[in-house]
Amino acid sequence: MEKINYKELSFDSFDATYKNLINLSDKKILNILNEIKDFEDQNKGYDFESLILLFTDHKNNEIRLFCTKYMEKSSDFSLIRKLRKIITNESEKEIRFHAINIFGNWIKEISTKKNRINEIARLMNFGVDFIRNSDDKSEQNNMMKSLSHLSNEEIDKIIMEKFSSKELEDKLSAIISMGNNGNIKWVPLIEELLEHDNYKIRSESCISLSLIGNEENIDQIKELLEDEELDTQKAAVNAISNIGGSYAKEILEKLKFSSEPEIVDLSKDKLLDLKKEDEIDSQPQPDEDILEDEPISNDFDEYDAANIEGWGSLNEDGTSFIAPDAIDDDIDDPIKSLSDYEKPIEQPDIDD
């Protein structure tokens, strides 16, 4: 096979390119996919997503893993269907692990959208069903952390079940989920763990407290800068930075005199991050109302997480959307990509 000229690759040639590549050895295919991704990353204006994702169901585990990881960089919400399919049907645990993490990234993103209530409910139901039906505790915990960005009684119940567990990984995952969730009701539970015997629990607790709390909690977290475990000290630095503000900066400034070189370096990095955030905050911000998606009026019937439905392609203006059968059979409103009001571009039909 002749060497591919990536500059000349276009959507019209994707199918032919795929047919040529699929006959190569697995190792060669993986090398070419990495080359395509590197070229795409290094050259603006090139988008080979549709070509790369043609290999999502390849027989080779490494190729499927590559395609799953690749989805993390996508802003096309229509890929949520592919992720659900991987989570439900994939035989390799590592691939499912990455799919669940990316699923969580989408949930975190969509949870901020005021008009996505029905979509959020579908994703939440899928995730809860997965947790209840999975026999793998690590995957249960991973999905819980993905869902924890949402506010829901069922999710809260799962978090408390894991929090009450005697298993360390269950409790750690619950603490992380509390931080993701952002509800101040978790604060008293987290505060009690800042002096726990296990340093991992102390570390995760101070991080989660920083995501929920405010400057009033800095003094509690500050105590962990003197922790016997370096990892917990580093967690405290990150937590103080997460809260931010003048008091946090003051503490981070003083850490340049720490006896731990890693703490000195980390505190310097966090101070720079806070200064950059201040610069961004000082710049004029666009009107959020202008960026808000159009509301979706249709209600959805109950979703069966085990049933992977069909798929669709594009809006009339060229932006991507989830087709009516992508989430449920009776949806007749297109759903735009998470890239709100993106510029219409030529895209292929998504047809599994």
Protein backbone atom coordinates (compact mmCIF):
# COMPACT_ATOMS: atom_id res chain seq x y z
CA MET A 1 0.00 0.00 0.00
CA GLU A 2 1.29 3.47 -0.92
CA LYS A 3 2.07 5.90 1.87
CA ILE A 4 -1.00 8.01 2.68
CA ASN A 5 -0.82 11.72 1.95
CA TYR A 6 -2.76 12.99 4.93
CA LYS A 7 -3.09 16.46 3.44
CA GLU A 8 -5.17 15.01 0.62
CA LEU A 9 -7.42 12.91 2.86
CA SER A 10 -11.03 14.07 2.77
CA PHE A 11 -14.41 12.72 3.76
CA ASP A 12 -15.03 11.55 0.21
CA SER A 13 -12.00 9.28 0.44
CA PHE A 14 -12.58 7.95 3.96
CA ASP A 15 -14.46 4.82 2.91
CA ALA A 16 -11.88 3.89 0.27
CA THR A 17 -9.04 4.56 2.74
CA TYR A 18 -10.74 2.37 5.34
CA LYS A 19 -11.14 -0.49 2.85
CA ASN A 20 -7.44 -0.29 2.03
CA LEU A 21 -6.34 -0.13 5.66
CA ILE A 22 -8.57 -2.90 6.96
CA ASN A 23 -6.62 -5.47 4.96
CA LEU A 24 -3.31 -4.54 6.60
CA SER A 25 -1.87 -6.17 9.71
CA ASP A 26 -3.21 -4.98 13.06
CA LYS A 27 0.16 -3.48 13.97
CA LYS A 28 0.30 -1.52 10.70
CA ILE A 29 -3.27 -0.26 11.14
CA LEU A 30 -2.48 0.95 14.65
CA ASN A 31 0.67 2.73 13.47
CA ILE A 32 -1.25 4.51 10.71
CA LEU A 33 -4.06 5.52 13.08
CA ASN A 34 -1.48 7.05 15.41
CA GLU A 35 0.09 8.89 12.47
CA ILE A 36 -3.32 10.21 11.41
CA LYS A 37 -4.05 11.43 14.94
CA ASP A 38 -0.62 13.08 15.26
CA PHE A 39 -1.09 14.82 11.92
CA GLU A 40 -4.54 16.02 12.97
CA ASP A 41 -3.18 17.34 16.29
CA GLN A 42 -0.32 19.19 14.62
CA ASN A 43 -2.26 20.71 11.71
CA LYS A 44 -5.30 22.89 12.25
CA GLY A 45 -8.27 22.42 9.96
CA TYR A 46 -7.96 18.66 9.54
CA ASP A 47 -10.64 16.37 10.97
CA PHE A 48 -10.24 12.61 10.55
CA GLU A 49 -12.63 11.60 13.31
CA SER A 50 -15.08 9.86 10.98
CA LEU A 51 -12.27 7.78 9.45
CA ILE A 52 -10.67 6.80 12.75
CA LEU A 53 -13.95 5.79 14.36
CA LEU A 54 -14.69 3.36 11.53
CA PHE A 55 -12.28 1.08 13.43
CA THR A 56 -14.22 1.26 16.72
CA ASP A 57 -15.48 -2.33 16.37
CA HIS A 58 -12.21 -3.80 15.10
CA LYS A 59 -11.32 -7.30 16.30
CA ASN A 60 -8.00 -6.09 17.74
CA ASN A 61 -8.15 -4.89 21.35
CA GLU A 62 -5.42 -2.25 20.94
CA ILE A 63 -7.17 -0.71 17.95
CA ARG A 64 -10.51 -0.60 19.78
CA LEU A 65 -8.76 0.96 22.79
CA PHE A 66 -7.15 3.58 20.57
CA CYS A 67 -10.51 4.51 19.03
CA THR A 68 -12.18 4.71 22.43
CA LYS A 69 -9.48 6.99 23.84
CA TYR A 70 -9.71 9.10 20.70
CA MET A 71 -13.35 9.90 21.49
CA GLU A 72 -12.18 11.93 24.48
CA LYS A 73 -11.08 14.77 22.22
CA SER A 74 -14.38 14.93 20.33
CA SER A 75 -17.03 17.61 20.84
CA ASP A 76 -19.66 15.61 18.95
CA PHE A 77 -22.32 14.58 21.45
CA SER A 78 -23.65 12.01 19.02
CA LEU A 79 -20.75 9.79 20.08
CA ILE A 80 -22.57 9.14 23.35
CA ARG A 81 -24.38 6.31 21.59
CA LYS A 82 -21.09 4.67 20.65
CA LEU A 83 -19.90 5.03 24.24
CA ARG A 84 -23.04 3.38 25.58
CA LYS A 85 -22.52 0.53 23.15
CA ILE A 86 -18.90 0.07 24.26
CA ILE A 87 -19.84 0.20 27.96
CA THR A 88 -22.59 -2.35 27.42
CA ASN A 89 -20.97 -4.79 24.98
CA GLU A 90 -17.18 -4.44 25.15
CA SER A 91 -15.38 -7.52 26.48
CA GLU A 92 -12.14 -5.80 27.51
CA LYS A 93 -12.22 -4.13 30.92
CA GLU A 94 -9.61 -1.47 30.08
CA ILE A 95 -11.65 -0.29 27.10
CA ARG A 96 -14.83 -0.16 29.18
CA PHE A 97 -12.91 1.81 31.82
CA HIS A 98 -11.97 4.54 29.36
CA ALA A 99 -15.45 4.59 27.85
CA ILE A 100 -17.02 5.14 31.28
CA ASN A 101 -14.56 7.97 32.01
CA ILE A 102 -15.39 9.70 28.73
CA PHE A 103 -19.08 9.13 29.44
CA GLY A 104 -18.50 11.01 32.70
CA ASN A 105 -16.84 13.89 30.87
CA TRP A 106 -19.93 14.25 28.67
CA ILE A 107 -22.20 14.17 31.70
CA LYS A 108 -20.13 16.87 33.41
CA GLU A 109 -20.42 19.01 30.29
CA ILE A 110 -24.11 18.50 29.67
CA SER A 111 -25.02 18.93 33.35
CA THR A 112 -24.41 22.67 32.95
CA LYS A 113 -27.00 22.98 30.18
CA LYS A 114 -30.34 24.31 31.38
CA ASN A 115 -32.33 22.81 28.54
CA ARG A 116 -30.97 19.25 28.56
CA ILE A 117 -33.13 17.81 31.34
CA ASN A 118 -34.53 14.95 29.25
CA GLU A 119 -31.13 13.96 27.85
CA ILE A 120 -29.59 14.05 31.33
CA ALA A 121 -32.36 11.77 32.63
CA ARG A 122 -31.65 9.24 29.86
CA LEU A 123 -27.93 9.18 30.60
CA MET A 124 -28.51 9.01 34.34
CA ASN A 125 -30.89 6.05 33.99
CA PHE A 126 -28.41 4.24 31.77
CA GLY A 127 -25.61 4.75 34.31
CA VAL A 128 -27.68 3.75 37.34
CA ASP A 129 -28.87 0.60 35.55
CA PHE A 130 -25.26 -0.22 34.74
CA ILE A 131 -24.22 0.13 38.40
CA ARG A 132 -27.11 -1.98 39.64
CA ASN A 133 -26.47 -4.74 37.08
CA SER A 134 -22.66 -4.83 37.10
CA ASP A 135 -20.80 -7.44 39.16
CA ASP A 136 -17.53 -5.51 38.94
CA LYS A 137 -17.09 -3.16 41.92
CA SER A 138 -14.39 -1.08 40.25
CA GLU A 139 -16.69 -0.43 37.29
CA GLN A 140 -19.57 0.37 39.62
CA ASN A 141 -17.34 2.95 41.33
CA ASN A 142 -16.11 4.33 38.05
CA MET A 143 -19.66 4.81 36.78
CA MET A 144 -20.72 6.34 40.10
CA LYS A 145 -17.97 8.95 39.76
CA SER A 146 -19.12 9.65 36.21
CA LEU A 147 -22.74 10.11 37.31
CA SER A 148 -21.88 12.10 40.42
CA HIS A 149 -21.80 15.40 38.50
CA LEU A 150 -25.60 15.17 38.46
CA SER A 151 -27.99 15.94 41.32
CA ASN A 152 -30.33 13.01 41.79
CA GLU A 153 -31.71 11.07 44.76
CA GLU A 154 -30.81 7.70 43.24
CA ILE A 155 -27.21 8.78 42.68
CA ASP A 156 -27.02 10.20 46.22
CA LYS A 157 -28.25 6.86 47.53
CA ILE A 158 -25.51 4.99 45.65
CA ILE A 159 -22.87 7.42 46.95
CA MET A 160 -24.00 6.82 50.54
CA GLU A 161 -24.00 3.04 50.02
CA LYS A 162 -20.40 3.18 48.85
CA PHE A 163 -19.46 5.68 51.56
CA SER A 164 -20.72 3.26 54.23
CA SER A 165 -18.77 0.36 52.75
CA LYS A 166 -15.81 -1.16 54.59
CA GLU A 167 -13.94 -1.44 51.30
CA LEU A 168 -11.32 1.31 50.86
CA GLU A 169 -11.91 1.75 47.13
CA ASP A 170 -15.66 2.10 47.69
CA LYS A 171 -15.16 4.83 50.30
CA LEU A 172 -12.55 6.67 48.23
CA SER A 173 -14.83 6.62 45.19
CA ALA A 174 -17.72 7.93 47.29
CA ILE A 175 -15.57 10.80 48.62
CA ILE A 176 -14.51 11.73 45.09
CA SER A 177 -18.14 11.55 43.98
CA MET A 178 -19.19 13.90 46.78
CA GLY A 179 -16.70 16.46 45.50
CA ASN A 180 -17.91 16.04 41.94
CA ASN A 181 -21.50 16.40 43.07
CA GLY A 182 -20.85 19.78 44.66
CA ASN A 183 -23.69 19.68 47.18
CA ILE A 184 -22.78 21.30 50.51
CA LYS A 185 -24.74 18.60 52.34
CA TRP A 186 -21.66 16.38 51.98
CA VAL A 187 -19.38 18.83 53.82
CA PRO A 188 -19.91 17.48 57.38
CA LEU A 189 -19.18 13.92 56.25
CA ILE A 190 -16.03 14.99 54.44
CA GLU A 191 -14.75 17.18 57.29
CA GLU A 192 -14.82 14.20 59.65
CA LEU A 193 -12.42 12.33 57.36
CA LEU A 194 -9.67 14.96 57.28
CA GLU A 195 -8.09 13.24 60.30
CA HIS A 196 -8.72 9.67 59.14
CA ASP A 197 -5.98 7.09 59.77
CA ASN A 198 -5.67 6.31 56.06
CA TYR A 199 -3.72 8.97 54.17
CA LYS A 200 -5.56 8.26 50.92
CA ILE A 201 -8.84 9.09 52.59
CA ARG A 202 -7.34 12.27 54.09
CA SER A 203 -6.03 13.26 50.66
CA GLU A 204 -9.25 12.69 48.74
CA SER A 205 -11.29 14.32 51.49
CA CYS A 206 -9.38 17.59 51.37
CA ILE A 207 -9.68 17.69 47.57
CA SER A 208 -13.42 17.06 47.70
CA LEU A 209 -13.88 19.63 50.46
CA SER A 210 -12.11 22.20 48.28
CA LEU A 211 -14.56 21.53 45.44
CA ILE A 212 -17.60 22.05 47.67
CA GLY A 213 -16.36 24.45 50.35
CA ASN A 214 -15.01 27.99 50.39
CA GLU A 215 -12.37 30.13 52.10
CA GLU A 216 -13.79 29.21 55.49
CA ASN A 217 -12.52 25.66 54.93
CA ILE A 218 -8.95 26.65 54.07
CA ASP A 219 -7.73 26.50 57.67
CA GLN A 220 -8.97 22.90 57.96
CA ILE A 221 -7.16 21.94 54.78
CA LYS A 222 -4.08 23.94 55.78
CA GLU A 223 -3.49 21.53 58.67
CA LEU A 224 -2.74 18.79 56.15
CA LEU A 225 0.27 20.72 54.87
CA GLU A 226 2.00 19.27 57.92
CA ASP A 227 0.79 15.72 57.23
CA GLU A 228 3.28 12.87 57.59
CA GLU A 229 2.53 11.74 54.03
CA LEU A 230 3.87 13.80 51.15
CA ASP A 231 0.94 12.79 48.93
CA THR A 232 -1.48 14.29 51.46
CA GLN A 233 0.59 17.49 51.66
CA LYS A 234 0.40 17.77 47.85
CA ALA A 235 -3.33 17.16 47.97
CA ALA A 236 -3.64 20.02 50.47
CA VAL A 237 -1.73 22.35 48.12
CA ASN A 238 -4.06 21.42 45.26
CA ALA A 239 -7.10 21.86 47.49
CA ILE A 240 -6.05 25.32 48.67
CA SER A 241 -5.47 26.29 45.04
CA ASN A 242 -8.92 24.97 44.10
CA ILE A 243 -10.57 27.31 46.58
CA GLY A 244 -8.43 30.26 45.54
CA GLY A 245 -8.71 33.81 46.80
CA SER A 246 -6.25 36.10 48.58
CA TYR A 247 -5.86 33.84 51.62
CA ALA A 248 -5.04 30.86 49.44
CA LYS A 249 -2.43 32.87 47.55
CA GLU A 250 -0.89 33.99 50.83
CA ILE A 251 -0.49 30.40 51.99
CA LEU A 252 0.91 29.26 48.65
CA GLU A 253 3.44 32.11 48.69
CA LYS A 254 4.76 30.98 52.07
CA LEU A 255 5.21 27.43 50.81
CA LYS A 256 8.28 28.52 48.83
CA PHE A 257 10.09 28.06 52.14
CA SER A 258 8.89 24.47 52.54
CA SER A 259 11.50 21.81 53.28
CA GLU A 260 9.88 19.59 50.63
CA PRO A 261 11.12 20.44 47.11
CA GLU A 262 7.98 18.95 45.53
CA ILE A 263 5.78 21.18 47.66
CA VAL A 264 7.82 24.23 46.66
CA ASP A 265 7.49 23.41 42.95
CA LEU A 266 3.80 22.54 43.19
CA SER A 267 2.92 25.71 45.09
CA LYS A 268 4.72 27.81 42.47
CA ASP A 269 2.76 26.12 39.69
CA LYS A 270 -0.53 26.63 41.51
CA LEU A 271 0.23 30.32 42.10
CA LEU A 272 0.83 30.75 38.38
CA ASP A 273 -2.46 28.99 37.64
CA LEU A 274 -4.34 31.33 40.00
CA LYS A 275 -2.76 34.39 38.40
CA LYS A 276 -3.78 33.15 34.95
CA GLU A 277 -7.33 32.60 36.20
CA ASP A 278 -7.38 36.15 37.57
CA GLU A 279 -6.31 37.48 34.16
CA ILE A 280 -9.06 35.51 32.43
CA ASP A 281 -11.66 36.66 34.98
CA SER A 282 -10.67 40.28 34.39
CA GLN A 283 -11.46 40.02 30.67
CA PRO A 284 -14.96 40.83 29.35
CA GLN A 285 -17.12 37.70 29.20
CA PRO A 286 -19.70 36.95 26.45
CA ASP A 287 -23.38 37.06 27.32
CA GLU A 288 -24.32 33.52 28.43
CA ASP A 289 -27.81 33.97 27.01
CA ILE A 290 -26.35 34.30 23.53
CA LEU A 291 -24.53 30.98 23.90
CA GLU A 292 -27.45 29.05 25.36
CA ASP A 293 -28.89 26.25 23.26
CA GLU A 294 -32.47 26.42 22.09
CA PRO A 295 -34.78 24.67 24.57
CA ILE A 296 -35.89 21.14 23.85
CA SER A 297 -39.62 20.81 24.42
CA ASN A 298 -40.24 17.09 23.96
CA ASP A 299 -40.49 14.69 26.87
CA PHE A 300 -39.01 11.20 26.61
CA ASP A 301 -40.46 7.85 27.53
CA GLU A 302 -38.56 5.60 29.90
CA TYR A 303 -35.19 4.48 28.56
CA ASP A 304 -33.92 0.91 28.61
CA ALA A 305 -30.16 1.10 29.17
CA ALA A 306 -29.61 -2.41 27.86
CA ASN A 307 -31.14 -1.58 24.49
CA ILE A 308 -28.76 0.17 22.11
CA GLU A 309 -30.87 1.99 19.52
CA GLY A 310 -30.17 3.27 16.03
CA TRP A 311 -28.41 6.43 14.95
CA GLY A 312 -28.59 9.53 12.81
CA SER A 313 -26.45 12.24 11.26
CA LEU A 314 -26.83 15.98 10.67
CA ASN A 315 -28.94 19.07 11.14
CA GLU A 316 -29.94 20.97 8.00
CA ASP A 317 -27.30 23.60 8.78
CA GLY A 318 -24.53 21.02 8.91
CA THR A 319 -24.14 20.69 12.70
CA SER A 320 -24.29 17.23 14.23
CA PHE A 321 -27.22 15.91 16.25
CA ILE A 322 -28.58 12.80 17.87
CA ALA A 323 -31.19 11.26 15.63
CA PRO A 324 -34.65 10.38 16.95
CA ASP A 325 -33.74 6.77 17.54
CA ALA A 326 -30.39 7.54 19.19
CA ILE A 327 -31.96 7.89 22.62
CA ASP A 328 -35.59 6.88 22.21
CA ASP A 329 -38.05 5.97 19.50
CA ASP A 330 -40.40 8.92 19.80
CA ILE A 331 -38.02 11.88 19.81
CA ASP A 332 -38.60 14.23 16.89
CA ASP A 333 -36.41 17.15 17.85
CA PRO A 334 -32.74 17.16 16.72
CA ILE A 335 -30.18 17.64 19.45
CA LYS A 336 -27.17 19.76 18.68
CA SER A 337 -23.56 18.98 19.44
CA LEU A 338 -22.08 20.22 22.70
CA SER A 339 -20.15 22.74 20.63
CA ASP A 340 -22.92 25.31 20.97
CA TYR A 341 -23.63 27.15 17.75
CA GLU A 342 -20.59 25.73 16.05
CA LYS A 343 -19.90 26.83 12.49
CA PRO A 344 -21.60 24.40 10.07
CA ILE A 345 -19.11 22.15 8.33
CA GLU A 346 -19.40 19.26 5.97
CA GLN A 347 -19.82 16.05 7.95
CA PRO A 348 -20.62 12.47 6.99
CA ASP A 349 -23.81 10.66 7.86
CA ILE A 350 -23.38 8.59 11.01
CA ASP A 351 -24.88 5.29 10.12
CA ASP A 352 -23.84 2.18 12.01
